[in-house]
């Protein structure tokens, strides 16, 4: 099974590629997004600044919509999740607007960026969370987080200065504020669950 990883100039692609290979899939990393139908899933990685990434992805927004319309599983990681929202305090210009809401900065009462391990608090059960218990620890590196207009998309939260969404989902569109590729056994389980969803849809 092939999974497409969109390279839009952010870092951390090596560890993500290695994590996917450990799960027995073939990650194809490229800056050119192909037509939907050629891959079982799409991953938007994320380390960087909101504005240039949103501008880059905005130029292929229509093609991304085609992937969503055909219900191809899509996972946005950290900044890759944030750009799925409508706007961000980090910079000018809009996001993709696939999720309603905006991205806001963590409060000044805590050290920013938030770097390190933090516990998940489950809001609702979902197949993406199968085998992941309430209180599981995952690895974060971020200064901003989404504030969804629709709180029902939040699957899990974390606390750092305030409570913020750690995992969101609607249909086949998923996002994590943390980095599953750096989150040990819990991150591997989440990626495995995402890939199981993709594999099932790919075969059907």
N, C-alpha and C. Protein backbone atom coordinates (compact mmCIF):
# COMPACT_ATOMS: atom_id res chain seq x y z
N UNK A 1 0.84 -1.19 0.00
CA UNK A 1 0.00 0.00 0.00
C UNK A 1 0.88 1.24 0.00
N UNK A 2 0.54 2.20 -0.84
CA UNK A 2 1.32 3.43 -0.93
C UNK A 2 0.59 4.58 -0.23
N UNK A 3 1.37 5.37 0.50
CA UNK A 3 0.85 6.55 1.19
C UNK A 3 1.63 7.76 0.69
N UNK A 4 0.91 8.82 0.35
CA UNK A 4 1.57 10.02 -0.17
C UNK A 4 1.84 10.99 0.97
N UNK A 5 3.08 11.45 1.07
CA UNK A 5 3.48 12.46 2.05
C UNK A 5 3.83 13.73 1.28
N UNK A 6 3.07 14.78 1.49
CA UNK A 6 3.26 16.02 0.73
C UNK A 6 4.42 16.82 1.32
N UNK A 7 5.42 17.07 0.51
CA UNK A 7 6.60 17.83 0.92
C UNK A 7 6.41 19.27 0.49
N UNK A 8 6.09 20.13 1.46
CA UNK A 8 5.90 21.55 1.11
C UNK A 8 6.92 22.42 1.85
N UNK A 9 8.13 21.86 2.01
CA UNK A 9 9.23 22.65 2.53
C UNK A 9 9.37 22.64 4.04
N UNK A 10 8.70 21.72 4.73
CA UNK A 10 8.83 21.64 6.18
C UNK A 10 9.83 20.54 6.53
N UNK A 11 10.23 20.49 7.79
CA UNK A 11 11.19 19.50 8.22
C UNK A 11 10.53 18.22 8.71
N UNK A 12 11.36 17.35 9.26
CA UNK A 12 10.92 16.13 9.94
C UNK A 12 10.38 15.06 9.00
N UNK A 13 10.70 15.12 7.73
CA UNK A 13 10.19 14.11 6.81
C UNK A 13 10.88 12.76 7.00
N UNK A 14 12.14 12.77 7.43
CA UNK A 14 12.87 11.50 7.56
C UNK A 14 12.23 10.60 8.61
N UNK A 15 11.93 11.16 9.81
CA UNK A 15 11.36 10.34 10.87
C UNK A 15 9.95 9.88 10.52
N UNK A 16 9.20 10.70 9.80
CA UNK A 16 7.86 10.29 9.38
C UNK A 16 7.94 9.17 8.36
N UNK A 17 8.85 9.29 7.40
CA UNK A 17 9.02 8.24 6.40
C UNK A 17 9.41 6.92 7.07
N UNK A 18 10.33 6.99 8.03
CA UNK A 18 10.78 5.79 8.74
C UNK A 18 9.63 5.16 9.53
N UNK A 19 8.80 6.00 10.15
CA UNK A 19 7.67 5.48 10.93
C UNK A 19 6.68 4.76 10.03
N UNK A 20 6.43 5.29 8.85
CA UNK A 20 5.51 4.65 7.91
C UNK A 20 6.09 3.34 7.38
N UNK A 21 7.38 3.33 7.08
CA UNK A 21 8.01 2.10 6.59
C UNK A 21 7.95 1.00 7.64
N UNK A 22 8.08 1.36 8.91
CA UNK A 22 7.97 0.36 9.98
C UNK A 22 6.59 -0.29 10.00
N UNK A 23 5.58 0.42 9.50
CA UNK A 23 4.23 -0.13 9.48
C UNK A 23 3.93 -0.88 8.19
N UNK A 24 4.95 -1.08 7.35
CA UNK A 24 4.80 -1.92 6.18
C UNK A 24 4.16 -1.26 4.98
N UNK A 25 4.14 0.08 4.94
CA UNK A 25 3.60 0.77 3.78
C UNK A 25 4.73 1.47 3.04
N UNK A 26 4.46 1.86 1.82
CA UNK A 26 5.45 2.56 0.99
C UNK A 26 5.14 4.04 0.97
N UNK A 27 5.92 4.86 1.69
CA UNK A 27 5.68 6.30 1.65
C UNK A 27 6.32 6.94 0.42
N UNK A 28 5.54 7.69 -0.32
CA UNK A 28 6.05 8.44 -1.47
C UNK A 28 6.06 9.91 -1.08
N UNK A 29 7.24 10.52 -1.02
CA UNK A 29 7.38 11.91 -0.60
C UNK A 29 7.65 12.76 -1.83
N UNK A 30 6.80 13.76 -2.04
CA UNK A 30 6.97 14.62 -3.21
C UNK A 30 6.29 15.96 -2.97
N UNK A 31 6.78 16.98 -3.67
CA UNK A 31 6.17 18.31 -3.59
C UNK A 31 5.00 18.45 -4.55
N UNK A 32 4.82 17.50 -5.45
CA UNK A 32 3.75 17.56 -6.44
C UNK A 32 2.62 16.62 -6.05
N UNK A 33 1.48 17.17 -5.70
CA UNK A 33 0.35 16.34 -5.27
C UNK A 33 -0.31 15.70 -6.49
N UNK A 34 -0.36 14.38 -6.53
CA UNK A 34 -0.98 13.71 -7.68
C UNK A 34 -2.50 13.72 -7.57
N UNK A 35 -3.16 13.18 -8.56
CA UNK A 35 -4.61 13.01 -8.51
C UNK A 35 -4.95 11.95 -7.47
N UNK A 36 -6.13 12.13 -6.85
CA UNK A 36 -6.59 11.12 -5.91
C UNK A 36 -6.84 9.81 -6.66
N UNK A 37 -6.79 8.72 -5.98
CA UNK A 37 -7.00 7.43 -6.62
C UNK A 37 -5.73 6.63 -6.79
N UNK A 38 -4.58 7.30 -6.72
CA UNK A 38 -3.30 6.61 -6.87
C UNK A 38 -2.72 6.14 -5.54
N UNK A 39 -3.24 6.68 -4.43
CA UNK A 39 -2.68 6.40 -3.11
C UNK A 39 -3.80 6.10 -2.13
N UNK A 40 -3.46 5.31 -1.12
CA UNK A 40 -4.46 4.92 -0.12
C UNK A 40 -4.71 6.00 0.91
N UNK A 41 -3.74 6.92 1.10
CA UNK A 41 -3.88 7.96 2.12
C UNK A 41 -2.93 9.11 1.80
N UNK A 42 -3.18 10.24 2.45
CA UNK A 42 -2.35 11.44 2.29
C UNK A 42 -1.99 11.95 3.68
N UNK A 43 -0.71 12.31 3.87
CA UNK A 43 -0.26 12.88 5.13
C UNK A 43 0.36 14.25 4.86
N UNK A 44 -0.07 15.24 5.66
CA UNK A 44 0.49 16.58 5.63
C UNK A 44 1.36 16.74 6.87
N UNK A 45 2.69 16.68 6.73
CA UNK A 45 3.57 16.80 7.90
C UNK A 45 3.61 18.24 8.40
N UNK A 46 4.33 18.48 9.49
CA UNK A 46 4.28 19.86 9.95
C UNK A 46 5.34 20.29 10.93
N UNK A 47 6.29 21.07 10.44
CA UNK A 47 7.16 21.87 11.28
C UNK A 47 7.42 23.12 10.46
N UNK A 48 7.14 24.29 11.01
CA UNK A 48 7.38 25.50 10.23
C UNK A 48 6.42 26.62 10.61
N UNK A 49 6.26 27.57 9.69
CA UNK A 49 5.44 28.76 9.92
C UNK A 49 4.16 28.66 9.09
N UNK A 50 3.06 29.10 9.68
CA UNK A 50 1.74 28.92 9.07
C UNK A 50 1.62 29.59 7.70
N UNK A 51 2.03 30.85 7.57
CA UNK A 51 1.72 31.61 6.37
C UNK A 51 2.30 31.02 5.09
N UNK A 52 3.62 30.75 5.00
CA UNK A 52 4.13 30.19 3.74
C UNK A 52 3.54 28.82 3.41
N UNK A 53 3.29 28.01 4.45
CA UNK A 53 2.71 26.69 4.20
C UNK A 53 1.27 26.83 3.70
N UNK A 54 0.49 27.71 4.33
CA UNK A 54 -0.89 27.93 3.89
C UNK A 54 -0.94 28.47 2.46
N UNK A 55 -0.01 29.37 2.13
CA UNK A 55 0.02 29.91 0.77
C UNK A 55 0.36 28.81 -0.23
N UNK A 56 1.33 27.98 0.12
CA UNK A 56 1.73 26.89 -0.78
C UNK A 56 0.57 25.90 -0.99
N UNK A 57 -0.07 25.51 0.09
CA UNK A 57 -1.17 24.56 -0.02
C UNK A 57 -2.40 25.20 -0.65
N UNK A 58 -2.56 26.50 -0.46
CA UNK A 58 -3.70 27.20 -1.06
C UNK A 58 -3.71 27.10 -2.57
N UNK A 59 -2.52 26.98 -3.18
CA UNK A 59 -2.43 26.88 -4.64
C UNK A 59 -2.90 25.53 -5.16
N UNK A 60 -2.98 24.53 -4.26
CA UNK A 60 -3.47 23.21 -4.68
C UNK A 60 -4.74 22.84 -3.90
N UNK A 61 -5.42 23.86 -3.40
CA UNK A 61 -6.59 23.62 -2.56
C UNK A 61 -7.66 22.81 -3.29
N UNK A 62 -7.90 23.14 -4.56
CA UNK A 62 -8.94 22.42 -5.32
C UNK A 62 -8.60 20.94 -5.43
N UNK A 63 -7.32 20.64 -5.64
CA UNK A 63 -6.94 19.23 -5.75
C UNK A 63 -7.08 18.53 -4.40
N UNK A 64 -6.73 19.22 -3.31
CA UNK A 64 -6.93 18.65 -1.98
C UNK A 64 -8.41 18.38 -1.72
N UNK A 65 -9.26 19.28 -2.19
CA UNK A 65 -10.71 19.06 -2.04
C UNK A 65 -11.14 17.79 -2.77
N UNK A 66 -10.51 17.49 -3.89
CA UNK A 66 -10.85 16.27 -4.62
C UNK A 66 -10.52 15.03 -3.78
N UNK A 67 -9.38 15.07 -3.08
CA UNK A 67 -9.03 13.95 -2.20
C UNK A 67 -10.09 13.80 -1.10
N UNK A 68 -10.52 14.93 -0.53
CA UNK A 68 -11.53 14.90 0.53
C UNK A 68 -12.86 14.41 0.00
N UNK A 69 -13.25 14.90 -1.18
CA UNK A 69 -14.53 14.51 -1.77
C UNK A 69 -14.58 13.01 -2.06
N UNK A 70 -13.44 12.42 -2.39
CA UNK A 70 -13.37 10.99 -2.66
C UNK A 70 -13.08 10.17 -1.39
N UNK A 71 -13.14 10.85 -0.25
CA UNK A 71 -13.00 10.22 1.07
C UNK A 71 -11.70 9.43 1.21
N UNK A 72 -10.63 9.99 0.67
CA UNK A 72 -9.30 9.44 0.91
C UNK A 72 -8.87 9.86 2.32
N UNK A 73 -8.46 8.96 3.20
CA UNK A 73 -8.02 9.36 4.53
C UNK A 73 -6.84 10.33 4.47
N UNK A 74 -6.96 11.44 5.19
CA UNK A 74 -5.93 12.48 5.22
C UNK A 74 -5.58 12.75 6.68
N UNK A 75 -4.28 12.78 6.97
CA UNK A 75 -3.80 13.07 8.32
C UNK A 75 -2.90 14.29 8.29
N UNK A 76 -3.28 15.34 9.02
CA UNK A 76 -2.44 16.51 9.20
C UNK A 76 -1.73 16.43 10.54
N UNK A 77 -0.42 16.63 10.54
CA UNK A 77 0.38 16.52 11.75
C UNK A 77 0.91 17.90 12.14
N UNK A 78 0.60 18.35 13.36
CA UNK A 78 1.08 19.61 13.91
C UNK A 78 0.70 20.78 12.99
N UNK A 79 1.66 21.43 12.35
CA UNK A 79 1.32 22.51 11.41
C UNK A 79 0.46 21.98 10.27
N UNK A 80 0.68 20.73 9.88
CA UNK A 80 -0.14 20.13 8.83
C UNK A 80 -1.60 20.02 9.21
N UNK A 81 -1.89 19.95 10.52
CA UNK A 81 -3.27 20.02 10.99
C UNK A 81 -3.74 21.47 11.05
N UNK A 82 -2.90 22.36 11.53
CA UNK A 82 -3.31 23.75 11.71
C UNK A 82 -3.75 24.40 10.40
N UNK A 83 -3.08 24.10 9.30
CA UNK A 83 -3.43 24.72 8.03
C UNK A 83 -4.77 24.22 7.50
N UNK A 84 -5.32 23.16 8.10
CA UNK A 84 -6.65 22.69 7.69
C UNK A 84 -7.75 23.61 8.20
N UNK A 85 -7.42 24.51 9.14
CA UNK A 85 -8.40 25.45 9.68
C UNK A 85 -8.45 26.73 8.85
N UNK A 86 -9.32 27.65 9.24
CA UNK A 86 -9.61 28.82 8.40
C UNK A 86 -8.54 29.91 8.49
N UNK A 87 -7.96 30.12 9.67
CA UNK A 87 -6.98 31.19 9.82
C UNK A 87 -6.13 30.93 11.06
N UNK A 88 -5.04 31.71 11.19
CA UNK A 88 -4.14 31.54 12.32
C UNK A 88 -3.62 32.88 12.80
N UNK A 89 -3.42 32.99 14.11
CA UNK A 89 -2.79 34.18 14.68
C UNK A 89 -1.31 34.26 14.32
N UNK A 90 -0.74 33.18 13.80
CA UNK A 90 0.69 33.16 13.51
C UNK A 90 1.05 34.04 12.31
N UNK A 91 0.11 34.28 11.42
CA UNK A 91 0.46 35.07 10.25
C UNK A 91 -0.76 35.50 9.47
N UNK A 92 -0.50 36.33 8.46
CA UNK A 92 -1.58 36.83 7.62
C UNK A 92 -2.02 35.75 6.63
N UNK A 93 -3.18 35.97 6.06
CA UNK A 93 -3.69 35.02 5.07
C UNK A 93 -4.48 33.91 5.73
N UNK A 94 -5.27 33.26 4.93
CA UNK A 94 -6.15 32.23 5.46
C UNK A 94 -5.58 30.84 5.30
N UNK A 95 -6.14 29.92 6.09
CA UNK A 95 -5.83 28.51 5.93
C UNK A 95 -6.73 27.90 4.88
N UNK A 96 -6.77 26.59 4.86
CA UNK A 96 -7.53 25.87 3.83
C UNK A 96 -9.03 25.85 4.14
N UNK A 97 -9.40 25.98 5.40
CA UNK A 97 -10.81 26.03 5.76
C UNK A 97 -11.54 24.69 5.67
N UNK A 98 -10.80 23.59 5.69
CA UNK A 98 -11.46 22.28 5.68
C UNK A 98 -12.10 21.99 7.03
N UNK A 99 -11.52 22.54 8.12
CA UNK A 99 -12.15 22.60 9.43
C UNK A 99 -12.50 24.05 9.72
N UNK A 100 -13.67 24.31 10.30
CA UNK A 100 -14.01 25.67 10.72
C UNK A 100 -13.33 26.00 12.03
N UNK A 101 -12.87 27.24 12.13
CA UNK A 101 -12.19 27.67 13.35
C UNK A 101 -10.85 28.32 13.04
N UNK A 102 -10.16 28.74 14.10
CA UNK A 102 -8.88 29.44 13.91
C UNK A 102 -7.82 28.83 14.81
N UNK A 103 -6.58 29.15 14.49
CA UNK A 103 -5.42 28.68 15.24
C UNK A 103 -4.93 29.83 16.10
N UNK A 104 -4.73 29.58 17.40
CA UNK A 104 -4.36 30.63 18.35
C UNK A 104 -3.07 30.27 19.07
N UNK A 105 -2.42 31.30 19.62
CA UNK A 105 -1.14 31.10 20.32
C UNK A 105 -1.40 30.59 21.74
N UNK A 106 -0.49 29.75 22.22
CA UNK A 106 -0.54 29.33 23.62
C UNK A 106 -0.39 30.55 24.53
N UNK A 107 -0.90 30.50 25.75
CA UNK A 107 -0.87 31.69 26.62
C UNK A 107 0.54 32.04 27.08
N UNK A 108 0.73 33.31 27.42
CA UNK A 108 2.03 33.80 27.89
C UNK A 108 2.38 33.28 29.28
N UNK A 109 1.43 32.66 29.96
CA UNK A 109 1.66 32.15 31.31
C UNK A 109 2.55 30.90 31.32
N UNK A 110 2.82 30.32 30.14
CA UNK A 110 3.68 29.14 30.06
C UNK A 110 4.81 29.39 29.07
N UNK A 111 5.87 28.59 29.16
CA UNK A 111 6.99 28.72 28.24
C UNK A 111 6.55 28.25 26.85
N UNK A 112 6.81 29.09 25.86
CA UNK A 112 6.45 28.80 24.47
C UNK A 112 7.72 28.83 23.63
N UNK A 113 7.96 27.83 22.79
CA UNK A 113 7.04 26.75 22.42
C UNK A 113 6.91 25.66 23.48
N UNK A 114 5.83 24.95 23.39
CA UNK A 114 5.58 23.77 24.21
C UNK A 114 6.36 22.62 23.58
N UNK A 115 7.40 22.15 24.26
CA UNK A 115 8.23 21.06 23.74
C UNK A 115 8.30 19.97 24.79
N UNK A 116 7.86 18.79 24.44
CA UNK A 116 7.98 17.67 25.35
C UNK A 116 6.74 16.80 25.39
N UNK A 117 6.75 15.88 26.36
CA UNK A 117 5.69 14.89 26.48
C UNK A 117 4.53 15.43 27.30
N UNK A 118 3.33 15.05 26.90
CA UNK A 118 2.14 15.48 27.61
C UNK A 118 1.07 14.41 27.46
N UNK A 119 0.14 14.38 28.40
CA UNK A 119 -0.88 13.32 28.43
C UNK A 119 -2.12 13.71 27.64
N UNK A 120 -2.70 12.72 26.99
CA UNK A 120 -3.96 12.91 26.27
C UNK A 120 -5.14 12.66 27.20
N UNK A 121 -6.18 13.45 27.03
CA UNK A 121 -7.45 13.22 27.71
C UNK A 121 -8.52 13.00 26.65
N UNK A 122 -9.11 11.82 26.65
CA UNK A 122 -10.06 11.46 25.60
C UNK A 122 -11.39 12.20 25.76
N UNK A 123 -11.88 12.73 24.65
CA UNK A 123 -13.19 13.37 24.63
C UNK A 123 -14.26 12.43 24.11
N UNK A 124 -13.93 11.64 23.08
CA UNK A 124 -14.87 10.66 22.56
C UNK A 124 -14.09 9.54 21.87
N UNK A 125 -14.69 8.37 21.89
CA UNK A 125 -14.03 7.22 21.29
C UNK A 125 -14.14 7.26 19.77
N UNK A 126 -13.14 6.71 19.13
CA UNK A 126 -13.08 6.72 17.67
C UNK A 126 -12.13 5.61 17.26
N UNK A 127 -12.33 5.08 16.08
CA UNK A 127 -11.46 4.01 15.61
C UNK A 127 -9.99 4.44 15.56
N UNK A 128 -9.74 5.70 15.32
CA UNK A 128 -8.37 6.19 15.29
C UNK A 128 -7.67 6.00 16.64
N UNK A 129 -8.45 5.92 17.71
CA UNK A 129 -7.91 5.83 19.07
C UNK A 129 -7.92 4.40 19.61
N UNK A 130 -8.23 3.43 18.78
CA UNK A 130 -8.30 2.05 19.25
C UNK A 130 -6.98 1.63 19.88
N UNK A 131 -7.05 1.09 21.11
CA UNK A 131 -5.85 0.65 21.79
C UNK A 131 -5.07 1.75 22.48
N UNK A 132 -5.58 2.99 22.47
CA UNK A 132 -4.92 4.12 23.13
C UNK A 132 -5.77 4.53 24.32
N UNK A 133 -5.20 4.46 25.50
CA UNK A 133 -5.95 4.71 26.73
C UNK A 133 -5.92 6.19 27.11
N UNK A 134 -6.92 6.59 27.87
CA UNK A 134 -6.94 7.93 28.45
C UNK A 134 -5.68 8.11 29.30
N UNK A 135 -5.00 9.25 29.14
CA UNK A 135 -3.78 9.51 29.88
C UNK A 135 -2.51 9.09 29.17
N UNK A 136 -2.63 8.56 27.95
CA UNK A 136 -1.44 8.17 27.18
C UNK A 136 -0.59 9.40 26.88
N UNK A 137 0.74 9.21 26.88
CA UNK A 137 1.67 10.33 26.70
C UNK A 137 2.18 10.38 25.25
N UNK A 138 2.21 11.60 24.71
CA UNK A 138 2.67 11.84 23.34
C UNK A 138 3.57 13.07 23.32
N UNK A 139 4.26 13.28 22.20
CA UNK A 139 5.30 14.31 22.12
C UNK A 139 4.84 15.51 21.29
N UNK A 140 4.94 16.70 21.91
CA UNK A 140 4.51 17.95 21.28
C UNK A 140 5.69 18.87 21.00
N UNK A 141 5.59 19.62 19.90
CA UNK A 141 6.49 20.75 19.62
C UNK A 141 5.63 21.80 18.91
N UNK A 142 5.16 22.81 19.65
CA UNK A 142 4.27 23.81 19.02
C UNK A 142 4.14 25.04 19.88
N UNK A 143 3.80 26.14 19.22
CA UNK A 143 3.50 27.41 19.89
C UNK A 143 2.03 27.79 19.73
N UNK A 144 1.35 27.15 18.80
CA UNK A 144 -0.05 27.47 18.48
C UNK A 144 -0.88 26.18 18.52
N UNK A 145 -2.18 26.35 18.59
CA UNK A 145 -3.08 25.21 18.58
C UNK A 145 -4.41 25.64 17.98
N UNK A 146 -5.19 24.71 17.46
CA UNK A 146 -6.48 25.07 16.86
C UNK A 146 -7.55 25.33 17.92
N UNK A 147 -8.46 26.21 17.57
CA UNK A 147 -9.66 26.47 18.37
C UNK A 147 -10.84 26.22 17.44
N UNK A 148 -11.34 24.98 17.38
CA UNK A 148 -12.39 24.64 16.41
C UNK A 148 -13.71 25.35 16.70
N UNK A 149 -14.41 25.75 15.64
CA UNK A 149 -15.75 26.29 15.80
C UNK A 149 -16.73 25.21 16.21
N UNK A 150 -16.45 23.98 15.81
CA UNK A 150 -17.30 22.84 16.15
C UNK A 150 -16.54 21.94 17.12
N UNK A 151 -16.86 21.99 18.41
CA UNK A 151 -16.10 21.19 19.38
C UNK A 151 -16.31 19.69 19.23
N UNK A 152 -17.31 19.28 18.48
CA UNK A 152 -17.55 17.83 18.34
C UNK A 152 -16.48 17.14 17.51
N UNK A 153 -15.63 17.90 16.80
CA UNK A 153 -14.56 17.26 16.03
C UNK A 153 -13.39 16.86 16.92
N UNK A 154 -13.38 17.30 18.19
CA UNK A 154 -12.25 17.02 19.09
C UNK A 154 -12.36 15.61 19.63
N UNK A 155 -11.36 14.77 19.35
CA UNK A 155 -11.31 13.41 19.88
C UNK A 155 -10.55 13.35 21.20
N UNK A 156 -9.51 14.18 21.34
CA UNK A 156 -8.70 14.17 22.55
C UNK A 156 -8.11 15.55 22.78
N UNK A 157 -7.84 15.86 24.04
CA UNK A 157 -7.27 17.15 24.43
C UNK A 157 -5.99 16.93 25.22
N UNK A 158 -5.27 18.03 25.43
CA UNK A 158 -4.12 18.06 26.33
C UNK A 158 -4.13 19.40 27.05
N UNK A 159 -3.35 19.51 28.10
CA UNK A 159 -3.29 20.74 28.89
C UNK A 159 -1.88 21.29 28.89
N UNK A 160 -1.77 22.57 28.55
CA UNK A 160 -0.50 23.29 28.68
C UNK A 160 -0.85 24.78 28.73
N UNK A 161 -0.99 25.31 29.93
CA UNK A 161 -1.45 26.69 30.07
C UNK A 161 -2.94 26.81 29.91
N UNK A 162 -3.50 26.02 29.04
CA UNK A 162 -4.94 25.90 28.83
C UNK A 162 -5.20 24.53 28.21
N UNK A 163 -6.46 24.17 28.15
CA UNK A 163 -6.84 22.94 27.46
C UNK A 163 -6.93 23.21 25.97
N UNK A 164 -6.32 22.35 25.16
CA UNK A 164 -6.35 22.54 23.70
C UNK A 164 -6.57 21.21 23.01
N UNK A 165 -7.09 21.22 21.77
CA UNK A 165 -7.32 19.98 21.03
C UNK A 165 -5.99 19.31 20.66
N UNK A 166 -5.89 18.02 20.92
CA UNK A 166 -4.70 17.26 20.54
C UNK A 166 -4.96 16.37 19.34
N UNK A 167 -6.21 15.92 19.16
CA UNK A 167 -6.61 15.10 18.01
C UNK A 167 -7.99 15.56 17.57
N UNK A 168 -8.14 15.78 16.27
CA UNK A 168 -9.45 16.15 15.71
C UNK A 168 -9.77 15.22 14.54
N UNK A 169 -11.05 15.10 14.24
CA UNK A 169 -11.47 14.25 13.12
C UNK A 169 -12.86 14.62 12.66
N UNK A 170 -13.04 14.55 11.35
CA UNK A 170 -14.37 14.65 10.74
C UNK A 170 -14.33 13.85 9.45
N UNK A 171 -15.16 12.82 9.37
CA UNK A 171 -15.13 11.96 8.20
C UNK A 171 -13.78 11.29 8.07
N UNK A 172 -13.15 11.43 6.90
CA UNK A 172 -11.83 10.85 6.66
C UNK A 172 -10.71 11.87 6.83
N UNK A 173 -11.01 13.01 7.47
CA UNK A 173 -10.02 14.06 7.68
C UNK A 173 -9.62 14.06 9.16
N UNK A 174 -8.32 13.85 9.42
CA UNK A 174 -7.82 13.72 10.78
C UNK A 174 -6.67 14.69 11.02
N UNK A 175 -6.47 15.05 12.28
CA UNK A 175 -5.34 15.91 12.61
C UNK A 175 -4.84 15.65 14.02
N UNK A 176 -3.52 15.74 14.21
CA UNK A 176 -2.92 15.62 15.54
C UNK A 176 -2.03 16.84 15.78
N UNK A 177 -2.16 17.46 16.96
CA UNK A 177 -1.28 18.56 17.30
C UNK A 177 0.10 18.05 17.69
N UNK A 178 0.18 16.84 18.19
CA UNK A 178 1.45 16.21 18.55
C UNK A 178 2.04 15.49 17.33
N UNK A 179 3.25 14.97 17.51
CA UNK A 179 3.95 14.26 16.43
C UNK A 179 3.90 12.76 16.69
N UNK A 180 3.03 12.02 16.02
CA UNK A 180 2.97 10.57 16.26
C UNK A 180 4.28 9.87 15.90
N UNK A 181 5.01 10.40 14.92
CA UNK A 181 6.27 9.76 14.51
C UNK A 181 7.36 9.91 15.56
N UNK A 182 7.12 10.75 16.60
CA UNK A 182 8.09 10.93 17.68
C UNK A 182 7.51 10.52 19.02
N UNK A 183 6.36 9.87 19.01
CA UNK A 183 5.63 9.59 20.25
C UNK A 183 5.67 8.12 20.66
N UNK A 184 6.71 7.41 20.31
CA UNK A 184 6.90 6.06 20.79
C UNK A 184 5.77 5.12 20.42
N UNK A 185 5.44 4.23 21.37
CA UNK A 185 4.45 3.19 21.11
C UNK A 185 3.06 3.76 20.85
N UNK A 186 2.71 4.86 21.53
CA UNK A 186 1.38 5.45 21.33
C UNK A 186 1.29 6.06 19.93
N UNK A 187 2.34 6.74 19.50
CA UNK A 187 2.35 7.30 18.16
C UNK A 187 2.28 6.22 17.10
N UNK A 188 3.01 5.12 17.32
CA UNK A 188 2.96 4.00 16.37
C UNK A 188 1.55 3.42 16.29
N UNK A 189 0.88 3.34 17.45
CA UNK A 189 -0.48 2.79 17.44
C UNK A 189 -1.44 3.70 16.68
N UNK A 190 -1.31 5.01 16.86
CA UNK A 190 -2.19 5.92 16.14
C UNK A 190 -1.95 5.84 14.64
N UNK A 191 -0.68 5.82 14.22
CA UNK A 191 -0.38 5.68 12.80
C UNK A 191 -0.91 4.35 12.26
N UNK A 192 -0.78 3.29 13.05
CA UNK A 192 -1.26 1.98 12.63
C UNK A 192 -2.79 2.01 12.45
N UNK A 193 -3.49 2.68 13.36
CA UNK A 193 -4.94 2.80 13.24
C UNK A 193 -5.34 3.59 12.00
N UNK A 194 -4.62 4.70 11.75
CA UNK A 194 -4.89 5.51 10.56
C UNK A 194 -4.66 4.69 9.29
N UNK A 195 -3.58 3.96 9.27
CA UNK A 195 -3.26 3.15 8.08
C UNK A 195 -4.24 2.00 7.91
N UNK A 196 -4.77 1.47 9.02
CA UNK A 196 -5.79 0.42 8.92
C UNK A 196 -7.06 0.96 8.29
N UNK A 197 -7.44 2.18 8.66
CA UNK A 197 -8.60 2.82 8.03
C UNK A 197 -8.34 3.00 6.53
N UNK A 198 -7.14 3.47 6.20
CA UNK A 198 -6.79 3.68 4.78
C UNK A 198 -6.77 2.37 4.02
N UNK A 199 -6.20 1.33 4.62
CA UNK A 199 -6.10 0.04 3.95
C UNK A 199 -7.49 -0.54 3.67
N UNK A 200 -8.39 -0.40 4.62
CA UNK A 200 -9.75 -0.91 4.46
C UNK A 200 -10.47 -0.21 3.32
N UNK A 201 -10.32 1.11 3.24
CA UNK A 201 -10.98 1.87 2.18
C UNK A 201 -10.32 1.59 0.82
N UNK A 202 -9.02 1.36 0.84
CA UNK A 202 -8.29 1.09 -0.40
C UNK A 202 -8.74 -0.22 -1.03
N UNK A 203 -9.05 -1.21 -0.18
CA UNK A 203 -9.46 -2.52 -0.67
C UNK A 203 -10.92 -2.55 -1.10
N UNK A 204 -11.73 -1.64 -0.55
CA UNK A 204 -13.18 -1.70 -0.82
C UNK A 204 -13.54 -1.13 -2.18
